[in-house]
C-alpha atoms as a PDB file:
ATOM      1  CA  MET A   1       0.000   0.000   0.000  1.00  0.00           C
ATOM      2  CA  ILE A   2       0.976   3.667  -0.359  1.00  0.00           C
ATOM      3  CA  ILE A   3       1.882   4.946   3.100  1.00  0.00           C
ATOM      4  CA  TYR A   4       3.117   8.466   2.511  1.00  0.00           C
ATOM      5  CA  ALA A   5       3.232  11.038  -0.306  1.00  0.00           C
ATOM      6  CA  LEU A   6       4.300  14.639  -0.785  1.00  0.00           C
ATOM      7  CA  VAL A   7       4.668  17.453  -3.266  1.00  0.00           C
ATOM      8  CA  ALA A   8       7.630  19.778  -2.835  1.00  0.00           C
ATOM      9  CA  ARG A   9       9.051  22.830  -4.540  1.00  0.00           C
ATOM     10  CA  GLY A  10      12.794  22.589  -4.244  1.00  0.00           C
ATOM     11  CA  SER A  11      13.359  21.501  -0.647  1.00  0.00           C
ATOM     12  CA  LEU A  12      10.129  23.115   0.564  1.00  0.00           C
ATOM     13  CA  VAL A  13       7.299  20.624   1.132  1.00  0.00           C
ATOM     14  CA  LEU A  14       4.054  22.126  -0.197  1.00  0.00           C
ATOM     15  CA  ALA A  15       1.680  19.312   0.811  1.00  0.00           C
ATOM     16  CA  GLU A  16       1.986  15.829   2.283  1.00  0.00           C
ATOM     17  CA  PHE A  17      -0.184  13.117   3.803  1.00  0.00           C
ATOM     18  CA  THR A  18       0.145   9.924   5.838  1.00  0.00           C
ATOM     19  CA  ASN A  19      -1.930   7.936   8.293  1.00  0.00           C
ATOM     20  CA  VAL A  20       1.080   6.246   9.863  1.00  0.00           C
ATOM     21  CA  ASP A  21       3.533   7.508  12.460  1.00  0.00           C
ATOM     22  CA  GLY A  22       7.211   7.265  11.628  1.00  0.00           C
ATOM     23  CA  ASP A  23      10.377   9.121  10.643  1.00  0.00           C
ATOM     24  CA  PHE A  24       9.762   8.785   6.892  1.00  0.00           C
ATOM     25  CA  PRO A  25       8.765  12.478   6.449  1.00  0.00           C
ATOM     26  CA  THR A  26      12.263  13.363   7.688  1.00  0.00           C
ATOM     27  CA  VAL A  27      13.846  10.739   5.407  1.00  0.00           C
ATOM     28  CA  ALA A  28      11.813  12.052   2.476  1.00  0.00           C
ATOM     29  CA  ARG A  29      12.949  15.649   3.083  1.00  0.00           C
ATOM     30  CA  LYS A  30      16.611  14.601   3.242  1.00  0.00           C
ATOM     31  CA  LEU A  31      16.139  12.575   0.070  1.00  0.00           C
ATOM     32  CA  ILE A  32      14.636  15.395  -2.009  1.00  0.00           C
ATOM     33  CA  ALA A  33      17.244  17.825  -0.669  1.00  0.00           C
ATOM     34  CA  LYS A  34      20.220  15.640  -1.674  1.00  0.00           C
ATOM     35  CA  SER A  35      18.970  13.864  -4.801  1.00  0.00           C
ATOM     36  CA  ALA A  36      19.750  15.068  -8.301  1.00  0.00           C
ATOM     37  CA  LYS A  37      16.810  16.436 -10.228  1.00  0.00           C
ATOM     38  CA  SER A  38      15.495  14.089 -12.905  1.00  0.00           C
ATOM     39  CA  LYS A  39      12.257  13.408 -14.764  1.00  0.00           C
ATOM     40  CA  LEU A  40      13.017   9.700 -14.549  1.00  0.00           C
ATOM     41  CA  LYS A  41      11.444   7.931 -11.604  1.00  0.00           C
ATOM     42  CA  LYS A  42      13.958   6.725  -9.032  1.00  0.00           C
ATOM     43  CA  THR A  43      13.505   4.376  -6.081  1.00  0.00           C
ATOM     44  CA  MET A  44      15.423   4.196  -2.810  1.00  0.00           C
ATOM     45  CA  LEU A  45      14.899   1.185  -0.547  1.00  0.00           C
ATOM     46  CA  ARG A  46      15.000   1.628   3.232  1.00  0.00           C
ATOM     47  CA  GLU A  47      14.349  -1.410   5.375  1.00  0.00           C
ATOM     48  CA  ASN A  48      10.955  -2.757   4.180  1.00  0.00           C
ATOM     49  CA  TYR A  49       9.921   0.425   2.415  1.00  0.00           C
ATOM     50  CA  ALA A  50      10.510   2.030  -0.975  1.00  0.00           C
ATOM     51  CA  PHE A  51      10.761   5.787  -1.634  1.00  0.00           C
ATOM     52  CA  THR A  52       9.932   6.546  -5.276  1.00  0.00           C
ATOM     53  CA  TYR A  53      10.155  10.046  -6.692  1.00  0.00           C
ATOM     54  CA  PHE A  54      10.717  12.179  -9.774  1.00  0.00           C
ATOM     55  CA  ASN A  55      11.086  15.858 -10.627  1.00  0.00           C
ATOM     56  CA  GLU A  56       9.226  17.972 -13.131  1.00  0.00           C
ATOM     57  CA  ASP A  57      10.033  21.628 -13.592  1.00  0.00           C
ATOM     58  CA  GLU A  58      10.854  22.820 -10.065  1.00  0.00           C
ATOM     59  CA  PHE A  59       8.538  20.359  -8.295  1.00  0.00           C
ATOM     60  CA  THR A  60       9.226  16.960  -6.737  1.00  0.00           C
ATOM     61  CA  PHE A  61       6.588  14.235  -6.429  1.00  0.00           C
ATOM     62  CA  LEU A  62       7.372  11.470  -3.947  1.00  0.00           C
ATOM     63  CA  CYS A  63       5.653   8.549  -2.279  1.00  0.00           C
ATOM     64  CA  MET A  64       6.640   5.812   0.147  1.00  0.00           C
ATOM     65  CA  THR A  65       5.244   2.295  -0.213  1.00  0.00           C
ATOM     66  CA  GLU A  66       5.887  -1.162   1.109  1.00  0.00           C
ATOM     67  CA  SER A  67       8.850  -2.660  -0.736  1.00  0.00           C
ATOM     68  CA  THR A  68       6.606  -5.405  -2.125  1.00  0.00           C
ATOM     69  CA  PHE A  69       4.062  -2.956  -3.503  1.00  0.00           C
ATOM     70  CA  SER A  70       3.576  -2.887  -7.289  1.00  0.00           C
ATOM     71  CA  ARG A  71       6.149  -0.630  -8.969  1.00  0.00           C
ATOM     72  CA  GLU A  72       3.765  -0.072 -11.849  1.00  0.00           C
ATOM     73  CA  THR A  73       0.979   1.112  -9.543  1.00  0.00           C
ATOM     74  CA  THR A  74       3.491   3.359  -7.764  1.00  0.00           C
ATOM     75  CA  SER A  75       4.480   4.926 -11.073  1.00  0.00           C
ATOM     76  CA  LYS A  76       0.839   5.470 -12.037  1.00  0.00           C
ATOM     77  CA  PHE A  77       0.137   7.050  -8.642  1.00  0.00           C
ATOM     78  CA  LEU A  78       2.969   9.559  -9.024  1.00  0.00           C
ATOM     79  CA  ASP A  79       1.786  10.448 -12.537  1.00  0.00           C
ATOM     80  CA  ALA A  80      -1.742  10.969 -11.201  1.00  0.00           C
ATOM     81  CA  LEU A  81      -0.364  13.060  -8.329  1.00  0.00           C
ATOM     82  CA  ALA A  82       1.562  15.317 -10.731  1.00  0.00           C
ATOM     83  CA  ASN A  83      -1.413  15.653 -13.085  1.00  0.00           C
ATOM     84  CA  ALA A  84      -3.727  16.529 -10.198  1.00  0.00           C
ATOM     85  CA  PHE A  85      -1.264  19.093  -8.898  1.00  0.00           C
ATOM     86  CA  TYR A  86      -0.839  20.869 -12.243  1.00  0.00           C
ATOM     87  CA  SER A  87      -4.581  20.655 -12.921  1.00  0.00           C
ATOM     88  CA  GLU A  88      -5.401  22.276  -9.596  1.00  0.00           C
ATOM     89  CA  TYR A  89      -2.789  25.038  -9.572  1.00  0.00           C
ATOM     90  CA  ASP A  90      -1.504  25.704 -13.085  1.00  0.00           C
ATOM     91  CA  GLN A  91      -5.024  26.365 -14.285  1.00  0.00           C
ATOM     92  CA  GLY A  92      -5.804  28.601 -11.311  1.00  0.00           C
ATOM     93  CA  ASN A  93      -8.622  26.560  -9.810  1.00  0.00           C
ATOM     94  CA  SER A  94     -10.862  28.981  -7.891  1.00  0.00           C
ATOM     95  CA  GLU A  95     -11.415  26.554  -5.048  1.00  0.00           C
ATOM     96  CA  ALA A  96      -7.678  26.113  -4.663  1.00  0.00           C
ATOM     97  CA  LYS A  97      -7.137  29.848  -4.538  1.00  0.00           C
ATOM     98  CA  GLY A  98      -9.493  30.181  -1.576  1.00  0.00           C
ATOM     99  CA  LYS A  99      -7.706  27.572   0.491  1.00  0.00           C
ATOM    100  CA  SER A 100      -4.158  27.142   1.639  1.00  0.00           C
ATOM    101  CA  LEU A 101      -2.052  24.936  -0.564  1.00  0.00           C
ATOM    102  CA  ALA A 102      -1.210  22.504   2.198  1.00  0.00           C
ATOM    103  CA  THR A 103      -4.787  22.122   3.426  1.00  0.00           C
ATOM    104  CA  HIS A 104      -6.450  21.670   0.078  1.00  0.00           C
ATOM    105  CA  PHE A 105      -3.945  19.454  -1.711  1.00  0.00           C
ATOM    106  CA  THR A 106      -3.452  17.260   1.349  1.00  0.00           C
ATOM    107  CA  GLY A 107      -6.999  16.056   0.779  1.00  0.00           C
ATOM    108  CA  VAL A 108      -6.207  15.382  -2.891  1.00  0.00           C
ATOM    109  CA  ILE A 109      -3.142  13.320  -1.905  1.00  0.00           C
ATOM    110  CA  LYS A 110      -5.221  11.342   0.605  1.00  0.00           C
ATOM    111  CA  LYS A 111      -7.870  10.556  -1.995  1.00  0.00           C
ATOM    112  CA  LEU A 112      -5.304   9.414  -4.578  1.00  0.00           C
ATOM    113  CA  MET A 113      -3.503   7.257  -1.995  1.00  0.00           C
ATOM    114  CA  GLU A 114      -6.746   5.506  -1.081  1.00  0.00           C
ATOM    115  CA  GLU A 115      -7.607   5.011  -4.750  1.00  0.00           C
ATOM    116  CA  TYR A 116      -4.236   3.565  -5.782  1.00  0.00           C
ATOM    117  CA  SER A 117      -3.779   1.522  -2.618  1.00  0.00           C
ATOM    118  CA  GLY A 118      -7.055  -0.323  -3.191  1.00  0.00           C
ATOM    119  CA  SER A 119      -7.409  -3.822  -4.559  1.00  0.00           C
ATOM    120  CA  THR A 120      -8.748  -2.539  -7.889  1.00  0.00           C
ATOM    121  CA  HIS A 121      -5.363  -1.326  -9.059  1.00  0.00           C
ATOM    122  CA  ASP A 122      -3.658  -4.468  -7.757  1.00  0.00           C
ATOM    123  CA  ASN A 123      -6.088  -6.562  -9.773  1.00  0.00           C
ATOM    124  CA  LEU A 124      -5.569  -4.395 -12.822  1.00  0.00           C
ATOM    125  CA  ASP A 125      -1.808  -4.763 -12.466  1.00  0.00           C
ATOM    126  CA  HIS A 126      -2.240  -8.492 -12.121  1.00  0.00           C
ATOM    127  CA  ILE A 127      -4.398  -8.581 -15.263  1.00  0.00           C
ATOM    128  CA  VAL A 128      -1.865  -6.465 -17.148  1.00  0.00           C
ATOM    129  CA  LYS A 129       0.900  -8.825 -16.040  1.00  0.00           C
ATOM    130  CA  ILE A 130      -1.093 -11.848 -17.198  1.00  0.00           C
ATOM    131  CA  GLU A 131      -1.776 -10.169 -20.544  1.00  0.00           C
ATOM    132  CA  ARG A 132       1.924  -9.413 -20.976  1.00  0.00           C
ATOM    133  CA  ASP A 133       2.835 -12.990 -20.052  1.00  0.00           C
ATOM    134  CA  LEU A 134       0.290 -14.246 -22.604  1.00  0.00           C
ATOM    135  CA  GLU A 135       1.741 -11.923 -25.234  1.00  0.00           C
ATOM    136  CA  ASP A 136       5.232 -13.243 -24.452  1.00  0.00           C
ATOM    137  CA  VAL A 137       4.025 -16.848 -24.648  1.00  0.00           C
ATOM    138  CA  THR A 138       2.231 -16.090 -27.939  1.00  0.00           C
ATOM    139  CA  GLU A 139       5.365 -14.520 -29.393  1.00  0.00           C
ATOM    140  CA  ILE A 140       7.477 -17.483 -28.275  1.00  0.00           C
ATOM    141  CA  ALA A 141       4.979 -19.953 -29.749  1.00  0.00           C
ATOM    142  CA  LYS A 142       4.855 -17.985 -33.007  1.00  0.00           C
ATOM    143  CA  SER A 143       8.634 -17.905 -33.160  1.00  0.00           C
ATOM    144  CA  ASN A 144       8.819 -21.650 -32.538  1.00  0.00           C
ATOM    145  CA  ILE A 145       6.232 -22.326 -35.260  1.00  0.00           C
ATOM    146  CA  ASP A 146       8.163 -20.144 -37.704  1.00  0.00           C
ATOM    147  CA  LYS A 147      11.337 -22.029 -36.857  1.00  0.00           C
ATOM    148  CA  MET A 148       9.559 -25.363 -37.309  1.00  0.00           C
ATOM    149  CA  VAL A 149       8.197 -24.287 -40.697  1.00  0.00           C
ATOM    150  CA  GLU A 150      11.617 -23.016 -41.728  1.00  0.00           C
ATOM    151  CA  ARG A 151      13.188 -26.242 -40.474  1.00  0.00           C
ATOM    152  CA  GLY A 152      10.601 -28.253 -42.438  1.00  0.00           C
ATOM    153  CA  MET A 153      11.495 -26.340 -45.587  1.00  0.00           C
ATOM    154  CA  GLN A 154      15.159 -26.984 -44.901  1.00  0.00           C
ATOM    155  CA  LEU A 155      14.429 -30.709 -44.439  1.00  0.00           C
ATOM    156  CA  ASP A 156      12.549 -30.799 -47.757  1.00  0.00           C
ATOM    157  CA  SER A 157      15.477 -29.090 -49.420  1.00  0.00           C
ATOM    158  CA  LEU A 158      17.868 -31.540 -47.759  1.00  0.00           C
ATOM    159  CA  LEU A 159      15.801 -34.511 -48.976  1.00  0.00           C
ATOM    160  CA  ASP A 160      15.859 -33.141 -52.514  1.00  0.00           C
ATOM    161  CA  LYS A 161      19.611 -32.671 -52.301  1.00  0.00           C
ATOM    162  CA  THR A 162      19.989 -36.206 -50.914  1.00  0.00           C
ATOM    163  CA  LYS A 163      17.962 -37.671 -53.800  1.00  0.00           C
ATOM    164  CA  ASN A 164      19.992 -35.672 -56.300  1.00  0.00           C
ATOM    165  CA  LEU A 165      23.217 -36.798 -54.666  1.00  0.00           C
ATOM    166  CA  LYS A 166      22.069 -40.451 -54.745  1.00  0.00           C
ATOM    167  CA  TYR A 167      21.241 -40.143 -58.447  1.00  0.00           C
ATOM    168  CA  LYS A 168      24.661 -38.667 -59.143  1.00  0.00           C
ATOM    169  CA  ALA A 169      26.302 -41.408 -57.059  1.00  0.00           C
ATOM    170  CA  ASP A 170      24.468 -44.136 -59.031  1.00  0.00           C
ATOM    171  CA  SER A 171      25.416 -42.458 -62.303  1.00  0.00           C
ATOM    172  CA  PHE A 172      29.028 -42.199 -61.203  1.00  0.00           C
ATOM    173  CA  LYS A 173      29.034 -45.831 -60.108  1.00  0.00           C
ATOM    174  CA  SER A 174      27.687 -46.917 -63.498  1.00  0.00           C
ATOM    175  CA  TYR A 175      30.220 -44.736 -65.270  1.00  0.00           C
ATOM    176  CA  THR A 176      33.155 -46.072 -63.217  1.00  0.00           C
ATOM    177  CA  LYS A 177      32.041 -49.655 -63.922  1.00  0.00           C
ATOM    178  CA  LYS A 178      31.978 -48.908 -67.638  1.00  0.00           C
ATOM    179  CA  ILE A 179      35.424 -47.294 -67.442  1.00  0.00           C
ATOM    180  CA  LYS A 180      36.732 -50.245 -65.455  1.00  0.00           C
ATOM    181  CA  ASN A 181      35.491 -52.708 -68.095  1.00  0.00           C
ATOM    182  CA  GLN A 182      36.996 -50.560 -70.838  1.00  0.00           C
ATOM    183  CA  MET A 183      40.336 -50.437 -69.028  1.00  0.00           C
ATOM    184  CA  TRP A 184      40.271 -54.206 -68.557  1.00  0.00           C
ATOM    185  CA  TRP A 185      39.643 -54.712 -72.272  1.00  0.00           C
ATOM    186  CA  ASP A 186      42.373 -52.241 -73.222  1.00  0.00           C
ATOM    187  CA  LYS A 187      44.782 -53.996 -70.895  1.00  0.00           C
ATOM    188  CA  TYR A 188      44.169 -57.591 -72.098  1.00  0.00           C
ATOM    189  CA  ARG A 189      43.193 -56.958 -75.702  1.00  0.00           C
ATOM    190  CA  SER A 190      46.790 -57.150 -77.000  1.00  0.00           C
ATOM    191  CA  LEU A 191      47.403 -60.329 -75.021  1.00  0.00           C
ATOM    192  CA  ILE A 192      44.274 -61.911 -76.436  1.00  0.00           C
ATOM    193  CA  TYR A 193      45.331 -60.950 -79.958  1.00  0.00           C
ATOM    194  CA  LEU A 194      48.826 -62.335 -79.330  1.00  0.00           C
ATOM    195  CA  PHE A 195      47.390 -65.565 -77.962  1.00  0.00           C
ATOM    196  CA  ILE A 196      45.192 -65.970 -81.020  1.00  0.00           C
ATOM    197  CA  LEU A 197      48.204 -65.273 -83.274  1.00  0.00           C
ATOM    198  CA  VAL A 198      50.443 -67.797 -81.537  1.00  0.00           C
ATOM    199  CA  LEU A 199      47.682 -70.363 -81.545  1.00  0.00           C
ATOM    200  CA  GLY A 200      47.210 -69.776 -85.244  1.00  0.00           C
ATOM    201  CA  LEU A 201      50.933 -70.213 -85.890  1.00  0.00           C
ATOM    202  CA  PHE A 202      50.823 -73.646 -84.287  1.00  0.00           C
ATOM    203  CA  ILE A 203      47.501 -74.851 -85.633  1.00  0.00           C
ATOM    204  CA  LEU A 204      47.833 -73.784 -89.273  1.00  0.00           C
ATOM    205  CA  PRO A 205      51.148 -75.652 -89.980  1.00  0.00           C
ATOM    206  CA  TYR A 206      49.757 -78.747 -88.333  1.00  0.00           C
ATOM    207  CA  PHE A 207      46.641 -78.479 -90.428  1.00  0.00           C
ATOM    208  CA  PHE A 208      48.641 -78.123 -93.650  1.00  0.00           C
ATOM    209  CA  LEU A 209      50.941 -81.042 -92.703  1.00  0.00           C
ATOM    210  CA  ARG A 210      47.948 -83.262 -92.211  1.00  0.00           C
ATOM    211  CA  LEU A 211      46.669 -82.352 -95.594  1.00  0.00           C
ATOM    212  CA  GLY A 212      50.040 -83.151 -97.247  1.00  0.00           C
ATOM    213  CA  ALA A 213      50.375 -86.542 -95.560  1.00  0.00           C
ATOM    214  CA  SER A 214      46.999 -87.826 -96.608  1.00  0.00           C
ATOM    215  CA  PRO A 215      47.189 -91.122 -98.822  1.00  0.00           C
ATOM    216  CA  ALA A 216      46.413 -90.959-102.552  1.00  0.00           C
ATOM    217  CA  PRO A 217      43.035 -92.338-103.553  1.00  0.00           C
ATOM    218  CA  VAL A 218      43.008 -96.044-104.881  1.00  0.00           C
ATOM    219  CA  SER A 219      41.987 -96.553-108.499  1.00  0.00           C
ATOM    220  CA  ASN A 220      39.474 -99.369-109.230  1.00  0.00           C
ATOM    221  CA  SER A 221      39.858 -99.428-113.047  1.00  0.00           C
ATOM    222  CA  SER A 222      40.042-102.981-114.793  1.00  0.00           C
ATOM    223  CA  PRO A 223      42.992-104.266-117.092  1.00  0.00           C
END
């Protein structure tokens, strides 16, 4: 919950409110006096409490919450506090003119603290967190699906390349077998021719000798 809040101009506190006793008003004054001016929200932890503040123009907007209180709700509270302050006093609200700054805006701070400390904002923060978690999960799922689709396309491409490579391997195997047979024939062709020649040199003389040694035919003519 939001325990304490203030609006200050420089080191001068213009309005503040709390329902709890403690030394945090003193801590808050020391903090705004020593801290560098910045439009960015800053948080200082002290024991179990968190002091969050930011500066705009010459004004400082600060609140103290439990350390476990939602940082997002704290930020929204400070924005609402600043908007309420500028709405009330920059535009010269007639009601504000008729009352002291501290008295009137203290009531505004109290109302905002009660509003942003309620369960409604906690539930809204919880819903926002769930929605963000769902968005993150959706993005992760979408990314995974895209990767799966891309991986599927890569697998299809790899299968095509594998089939093409297998075809080339079969073609190469057939070609190498043909070359191997051709080399074998080139290697032994001369030997085969020589063998046929030598065989012919031995067979032909033998064949002619057999023809020459054949007996003359016997004549059967009468005297």
